[in-house]
Protein backbone atom coordinates (compact mmCIF):
# COMPACT_ATOMS: atom_id res chain seq x y z
CA MET A 1 -23.83 4.50 8.32
CA LYS A 2 -22.66 2.34 11.50
CA LEU A 3 -19.47 2.15 13.77
CA GLY A 4 -17.13 -1.09 12.98
CA LEU A 5 -13.95 -2.52 13.96
CA PHE A 6 -10.82 -4.34 12.21
CA THR A 7 -10.10 -7.11 14.55
CA PRO A 8 -6.58 -7.42 14.66
CA VAL A 9 -6.32 -5.06 17.33
CA PHE A 10 -7.41 -8.69 19.17
CA GLY A 11 -5.03 -10.90 17.32
CA GLY A 12 -4.30 -12.31 20.58
CA LEU A 13 -7.89 -13.57 21.54
CA ASN A 14 -9.67 -16.37 19.98
CA THR A 15 -12.80 -15.88 18.39
CA ARG A 16 -15.73 -15.71 21.14
CA GLU A 17 -13.26 -14.09 23.39
CA MET A 18 -12.77 -11.43 20.47
CA LEU A 19 -15.94 -11.30 19.58
CA ALA A 20 -17.16 -10.58 23.21
CA LYS A 21 -14.43 -7.16 23.69
CA VAL A 22 -16.18 -6.02 20.05
CA GLY A 23 -19.72 -6.54 21.38
CA ALA A 24 -18.76 -4.57 24.70
CA LEU A 25 -17.93 -1.47 22.61
CA GLU A 26 -21.19 0.29 22.51
CA LYS A 27 -22.16 1.43 19.61
CA VAL A 28 -19.73 -0.85 17.60
CA GLN A 29 -21.97 -2.94 14.94
CA ALA A 30 -19.67 -4.72 12.77
CA ILE A 31 -16.61 -6.54 12.40
CA GLU A 32 -13.86 -6.32 9.69
CA LEU A 33 -12.28 -9.49 9.82
CA GLY A 34 -8.27 -10.39 9.08
CA THR A 35 -7.99 -13.09 6.52
CA GLY A 36 -4.21 -13.66 5.94
CA GLY A 37 -1.54 -11.15 4.46
CA TRP A 38 0.40 -8.55 6.45
CA PRO A 39 -3.42 -8.38 9.05
CA GLY A 40 -3.16 -12.11 9.85
CA HIS A 41 -5.58 -14.66 10.27
CA ASP A 42 -6.31 -15.38 14.13
CA HIS A 43 -9.67 -15.53 14.63
CA VAL A 44 -10.98 -17.49 10.87
CA ASP A 45 -9.94 -20.88 9.77
CA PHE A 46 -9.84 -20.96 6.22
CA GLY A 47 -9.90 -24.87 5.46
CA THR A 48 -12.95 -25.25 7.94
CA LEU A 49 -15.01 -22.33 7.02
CA VAL A 50 -14.83 -23.10 3.25
CA ALA A 51 -14.51 -26.80 2.97
CA ASP A 52 -17.55 -27.12 5.71
CA ARG A 53 -20.86 -25.66 5.01
CA ALA A 54 -22.18 -26.08 8.42
CA ALA A 55 -19.22 -24.64 9.62
CA ALA A 56 -19.61 -21.40 8.26
CA GLU A 57 -23.12 -21.09 9.27
CA ASP A 58 -22.21 -21.77 13.05
CA PHE A 59 -19.36 -19.41 12.34
CA ARG A 60 -22.12 -16.35 10.86
CA ARG A 61 -24.43 -17.52 13.93
CA MET A 62 -21.91 -16.69 16.25
CA VAL A 63 -21.47 -13.24 14.71
CA ASP A 64 -24.97 -12.52 14.88
CA ASP A 65 -25.46 -13.77 18.52
CA ALA A 66 -22.79 -11.09 19.42
CA GLY A 67 -25.00 -8.60 17.71
CA LEU A 68 -22.67 -7.94 14.45
CA SER A 69 -22.40 -8.15 11.25
CA ILE A 70 -19.29 -8.28 9.23
CA SER A 71 -18.40 -5.53 6.95
CA ALA A 72 -15.64 -7.21 4.89
CA LEU A 73 -12.94 -9.63 4.92
CA SER A 74 -9.24 -8.15 4.99
CA CYS A 75 -6.49 -9.86 3.16
CA HIS A 76 -3.55 -6.69 2.78
CA GLY A 77 -0.69 -8.20 0.16
CA ASN A 78 1.42 -8.03 -2.83
CA PRO A 79 0.13 -10.16 -5.49
CA LEU A 80 2.24 -8.55 -7.48
CA HIS A 81 5.15 -9.09 -5.84
CA PRO A 82 8.73 -9.81 -8.15
CA ASP A 83 9.46 -12.64 -5.63
CA LYS A 84 7.11 -15.36 -7.45
CA LYS A 85 6.85 -17.31 -4.29
CA ILE A 86 5.69 -14.47 -2.29
CA ALA A 87 3.66 -12.95 -4.83
CA ARG A 88 1.62 -16.82 -4.92
CA ALA A 89 1.38 -16.86 -1.41
CA HIS A 90 -0.79 -13.12 -1.58
CA HIS A 91 -2.45 -14.13 -4.46
CA GLU A 92 -3.86 -17.45 -2.81
CA THR A 93 -4.41 -16.29 0.30
CA PHE A 94 -6.87 -13.64 -1.56
CA LEU A 95 -8.85 -15.88 -3.70
CA GLN A 96 -9.21 -18.16 -0.16
CA THR A 97 -10.78 -15.05 1.07
CA ILE A 98 -12.95 -14.22 -2.05
CA ALA A 99 -14.28 -18.49 -1.62
CA LEU A 100 -14.91 -17.85 2.26
CA ALA A 101 -16.67 -14.08 1.38
CA LYS A 102 -19.06 -16.32 -0.95
CA ARG A 103 -19.31 -18.93 1.99
CA LEU A 104 -19.73 -16.07 4.38
CA ASP A 105 -22.66 -13.81 2.13
CA VAL A 106 -20.03 -11.01 3.14
CA LYS A 107 -20.11 -9.04 -0.42
CA THR A 108 -16.37 -6.85 -0.20
CA VAL A 109 -12.66 -8.18 0.53
CA VAL A 110 -10.28 -5.33 0.85
CA THR A 111 -6.54 -5.57 0.07
CA PHE A 112 -3.50 -3.60 -1.37
CA SER A 113 -3.38 -2.45 -5.05
CA GLY A 114 0.11 -4.35 -5.16
CA CYS A 115 3.60 -3.27 -6.08
CA PRO A 116 5.41 -4.57 -9.08
CA GLY A 117 9.54 -4.65 -9.71
CA GLY A 118 11.02 -2.22 -12.24
CA ASN A 119 11.59 -4.87 -14.79
CA PRO A 120 11.59 -8.99 -15.46
CA LYS A 121 14.30 -9.64 -13.47
CA ALA A 122 13.33 -7.48 -10.62
CA THR A 123 13.53 -9.30 -7.08
CA THR A 124 11.97 -5.99 -5.27
CA PRO A 125 9.17 -4.10 -5.54
CA ASN A 126 9.85 -0.57 -6.99
CA TRP A 127 7.18 2.50 -5.95
CA ILE A 128 7.56 5.07 -8.40
CA THR A 129 6.76 8.33 -7.74
CA THR A 130 8.75 10.34 -10.41
CA SER A 131 8.77 11.03 -13.84
CA TRP A 132 12.51 11.80 -14.07
CA PRO A 133 15.21 10.57 -15.01
CA PRO A 134 12.88 8.87 -18.31
CA GLU A 135 13.38 5.12 -16.97
CA PHE A 136 10.83 5.86 -14.35
CA SER A 137 8.60 6.85 -16.58
CA ALA A 138 9.21 3.61 -18.31
CA MET A 139 9.67 1.47 -15.56
CA LEU A 140 6.15 2.69 -14.95
CA ASP A 141 4.27 2.09 -18.02
CA TRP A 142 5.74 -1.47 -18.23
CA GLN A 143 4.39 -1.92 -14.56
CA TRP A 144 0.86 -0.96 -15.84
CA LYS A 145 0.99 -2.55 -18.47
CA GLU A 146 2.75 -6.14 -18.11
CA ARG A 147 1.96 -6.87 -14.69
CA VAL A 148 -0.98 -4.34 -13.06
CA VAL A 149 -3.66 -4.71 -15.19
CA PRO A 150 -3.36 -8.30 -17.04
CA TYR A 151 -3.75 -9.59 -12.81
CA TRP A 152 -6.18 -6.98 -11.98
CA LYS A 153 -8.32 -7.69 -14.98
CA ASP A 154 -7.85 -11.96 -14.28
CA THR A 155 -8.83 -11.44 -10.67
CA ALA A 156 -11.72 -9.16 -11.37
CA GLY A 157 -13.00 -11.84 -13.25
CA ALA A 158 -12.95 -14.56 -9.86
CA CYS A 159 -14.37 -11.88 -7.90
CA ARG A 160 -16.84 -11.00 -10.18
CA ALA A 161 -17.65 -14.67 -10.38
CA ALA A 162 -18.31 -15.07 -6.82
CA GLY A 163 -20.17 -12.24 -6.39
CA VAL A 164 -17.55 -10.28 -4.21
CA ARG A 165 -16.28 -6.47 -4.82
CA VAL A 166 -12.54 -5.77 -4.13
CA ALA A 167 -11.74 -2.77 -2.03
CA ILE A 168 -8.31 -1.57 -2.78
CA GLU A 169 -6.58 0.46 0.17
CA MET A 170 -4.95 3.16 -1.49
CA HIS A 171 -1.41 3.14 0.08
CA PRO A 172 1.78 4.74 -0.75
CA SER A 173 4.20 1.83 -1.51
CA PHE A 174 1.84 0.29 -4.40
CA VAL A 175 0.74 1.53 -7.38
CA ALA A 176 -2.93 2.74 -5.88
CA TYR A 177 -2.25 5.23 -3.26
CA ASN A 178 -4.17 8.60 -4.37
CA PRO A 179 -7.37 9.20 -6.07
CA GLU A 180 -6.17 9.54 -9.76
CA THR A 181 -4.09 6.06 -9.48
CA MET A 182 -7.07 4.27 -7.54
CA ASN A 183 -9.46 5.37 -10.54
CA ARG A 184 -7.04 4.21 -13.07
CA LEU A 185 -7.34 0.66 -10.98
CA ARG A 186 -10.71 1.14 -11.13
CA ALA A 187 -11.40 1.54 -14.65
CA ILE A 188 -9.78 -2.00 -15.37
CA ALA A 189 -12.77 -3.34 -14.00
CA PRO A 190 -15.63 -0.96 -13.25
CA GLY A 191 -18.05 -2.16 -10.65
CA VAL A 192 -16.00 -4.87 -9.27
CA ILE A 193 -12.66 -3.01 -8.38
CA GLY A 194 -13.07 -0.19 -6.02
CA CYS A 195 -11.68 1.66 -2.70
CA ASN A 196 -11.30 1.15 0.83
CA PHE A 197 -10.83 4.48 1.69
CA ASP A 198 -8.58 5.30 4.61
CA PRO A 199 -8.19 8.96 5.47
CA SER A 200 -4.79 8.59 7.34
CA HIS A 201 -3.19 7.92 4.20
CA MET A 202 -4.49 10.65 2.46
CA PHE A 203 -3.74 13.46 5.52
CA TRP A 204 0.22 12.58 5.40
CA GLN A 205 0.30 13.19 1.53
CA GLY A 206 -1.20 16.25 1.64
CA ILE A 207 -4.52 15.11 0.10
CA ASP A 208 -8.24 16.64 1.03
CA PRO A 209 -9.92 13.71 1.90
CA VAL A 210 -13.33 15.57 1.09
CA ALA A 211 -11.80 16.23 -2.29
CA ALA A 212 -10.40 12.46 -2.57
CA ILE A 213 -13.98 10.98 -1.69
CA ARG A 214 -15.70 13.46 -4.38
CA ALA A 215 -13.17 12.33 -6.93
CA ILE A 216 -13.80 8.73 -6.25
CA GLY A 217 -17.44 9.32 -5.55
CA ASP A 218 -19.51 5.58 -5.64
CA GLY A 219 -16.06 3.51 -5.72
CA ILE A 220 -16.18 3.90 -2.60
CA TYR A 221 -17.04 0.12 -1.11
CA HIS A 222 -15.32 0.33 2.41
CA VAL A 223 -13.76 2.96 4.87
CA HIS A 224 -10.90 2.80 7.69
CA ALA A 225 -11.41 5.30 10.17
CA LYS A 226 -7.61 6.02 11.32
CA ASP A 227 -6.13 9.28 11.69
CA CYS A 228 -2.80 10.60 11.24
CA ARG A 229 -1.02 13.85 13.23
CA ILE A 230 1.78 15.55 10.64
CA ASP A 231 4.45 17.10 12.83
CA PRO A 232 5.17 20.61 11.74
CA ALA A 233 8.24 20.87 12.92
CA ASN A 234 9.93 17.93 11.34
CA THR A 235 7.82 18.22 8.11
CA ALA A 236 9.11 21.77 7.82
CA ILE A 237 12.77 20.32 7.70
CA ASN A 238 12.15 16.69 5.86
CA GLY A 239 8.92 16.55 4.21
CA VAL A 240 6.31 13.85 4.44
CA LEU A 241 8.11 11.04 2.94
CA ASP A 242 9.55 9.21 6.19
CA THR A 243 11.29 5.81 6.26
CA LYS A 244 12.31 6.01 9.94
CA ALA A 245 10.87 3.31 12.34
CA TYR A 246 7.07 4.24 13.10
CA THR A 247 8.40 3.98 17.47
CA ARG A 248 10.55 6.94 16.60
CA GLU A 249 7.26 9.31 17.04
CA SER A 250 9.36 12.22 18.25
CA GLU A 251 11.62 12.32 15.28
CA ARG A 252 9.01 11.41 12.27
CA SER A 253 7.08 13.83 10.21
CA TRP A 254 3.66 11.78 10.87
CA ILE A 255 2.44 9.15 12.72
CA PHE A 256 -0.75 7.36 12.75
CA ARG A 257 -3.35 8.55 15.73
CA THR A 258 -6.86 7.22 16.89
CA VAL A 259 -9.39 9.46 14.98
CA GLY A 260 -9.80 12.57 17.09
CA TYR A 261 -5.67 12.73 17.98
CA GLY A 262 -4.82 13.77 14.68
CA HIS A 263 -7.67 16.18 13.34
CA ASP A 264 -10.86 17.51 14.94
CA ALA A 265 -14.40 16.32 14.72
CA LEU A 266 -15.10 19.22 12.12
CA VAL A 267 -12.32 17.63 9.70
CA TRP A 268 -14.33 14.12 10.57
CA LYS A 269 -17.62 15.47 10.04
CA ASP A 270 -17.00 17.11 6.88
CA ILE A 271 -15.57 13.44 6.00
CA VAL A 272 -18.41 11.40 7.20
CA SER A 273 -20.89 14.39 5.09
CA ALA A 274 -18.69 13.71 2.04
CA LEU A 275 -19.38 9.92 1.98
CA ARG A 276 -22.37 10.67 2.73
CA LEU A 277 -23.14 12.30 -0.05
CA ALA A 278 -21.06 10.01 -2.31
CA GLY A 279 -23.86 7.96 -1.51
CA TYR A 280 -21.33 5.48 1.42
CA ASP A 281 -23.80 4.53 3.70
CA HIS A 282 -21.64 1.43 5.26
CA VAL A 283 -19.29 1.11 7.83
CA LEU A 284 -16.56 3.25 9.60
CA SER A 285 -14.20 0.49 10.59
CA ILE A 286 -11.83 1.69 13.35
CA GLU A 287 -8.27 0.58 12.55
CA HIS A 288 -6.27 0.85 15.93
CA GLU A 289 -2.78 1.41 14.60
CA ASP A 290 -1.73 4.24 17.67
CA SER A 291 1.67 3.71 18.59
CA LEU A 292 0.97 6.04 21.92
CA MET A 293 -2.30 4.42 22.97
CA SER A 294 -2.94 0.47 23.77
CA GLY A 295 -5.55 -0.94 21.44
CA ALA A 296 -7.99 -0.88 24.66
CA GLU A 297 -7.59 3.12 25.46
CA GLY A 298 -7.41 4.01 21.34
CA LEU A 299 -10.58 1.57 20.88
CA GLN A 300 -12.66 3.27 23.34
CA LYS A 301 -11.36 6.65 22.49
CA ALA A 302 -12.31 6.23 18.77
CA VAL A 303 -15.94 5.17 19.43
CA ALA A 304 -16.46 7.85 21.76
CA PHE A 305 -15.23 10.48 18.98
CA LEU A 306 -17.18 9.13 16.48
CA LYS A 307 -20.37 8.01 18.21
CA SER A 308 -21.22 11.97 17.63
CA VAL A 309 -19.68 12.49 14.02
CA VAL A 310 -21.48 9.26 12.24
CA ILE A 311 -24.35 10.35 10.15
CA LYS A 312 -27.62 7.99 11.13
CA GLU A 313 -30.51 9.60 9.26
CA PRO A 314 -30.86 12.12 6.38
CA ARG A 315 -32.90 15.06 7.04
CA GLY A 316 -34.59 16.35 3.41
CA ASN A 317 -31.73 16.62 1.04
CA ALA A 318 -28.81 17.41 3.08
CA TYR A 319 -27.28 15.27 5.90
CA TRP A 320 -25.92 16.52 9.30
CA ALA A 321 -23.00 15.34 11.36
């Protein structure tokens, strides 16, 4: 298993500067490139790289020369948005990312499952989390039947044709947010639709990441290394559902943290061991969203912490962290 890095943390730098920064981080061997949607695409020129084979080869050579590989391309967006203009833009970004993945010989594209409205006339997404009153169950059934299944069945075909897998990040506010909904989405196109596993989103929902890994198994195609700290006092009053801005750290029920600042090494060793037992032997991609640390500090601490957690070699029939 290798350490990697999700590159939007270096969004203000050009591609060569970003590669130099990542290359200077000890033990980091891979990058996950943002290609649009919410991560942005500071380090990728779609038009040139997709249209010009030589430019794509030069780009890969630049990454190789930095001693790095590309673990995934990421374009987190909402292609199921009820506003057709937004949905179209996010879908086109996804298709461009698939084309770029094929050009760069990258096998995995990361995104969200999306979230439709609650009916054909809706203008905003509707994330449904309860079966009652009964209209919510009806809306949820409509979403999956009329929007989710048709979209992902068609889109999976485009992925299959390009030889690319799509790794859906389970994230509240979208239709796939836990193992049950993730596996429901996977069933639409087995072997093409899988999971980008981010433990931080499991922690605050009260999901045991190890149990989640076992439930998804070999459907895990990519992994984010990001932690979450739950505030027991605030949670005791208001529970884990929290709409306050991420910058109001002391008032929130939970916040994202650098790995090791939400849960200790034993928790992360169990996560890595569970991933290995599920057959995952790819990259742990560090995603920095810790509002209490600068990007530079957060990355250094994450790398230092994960160096002692990543499993390098199997020993007999067991795996040691």
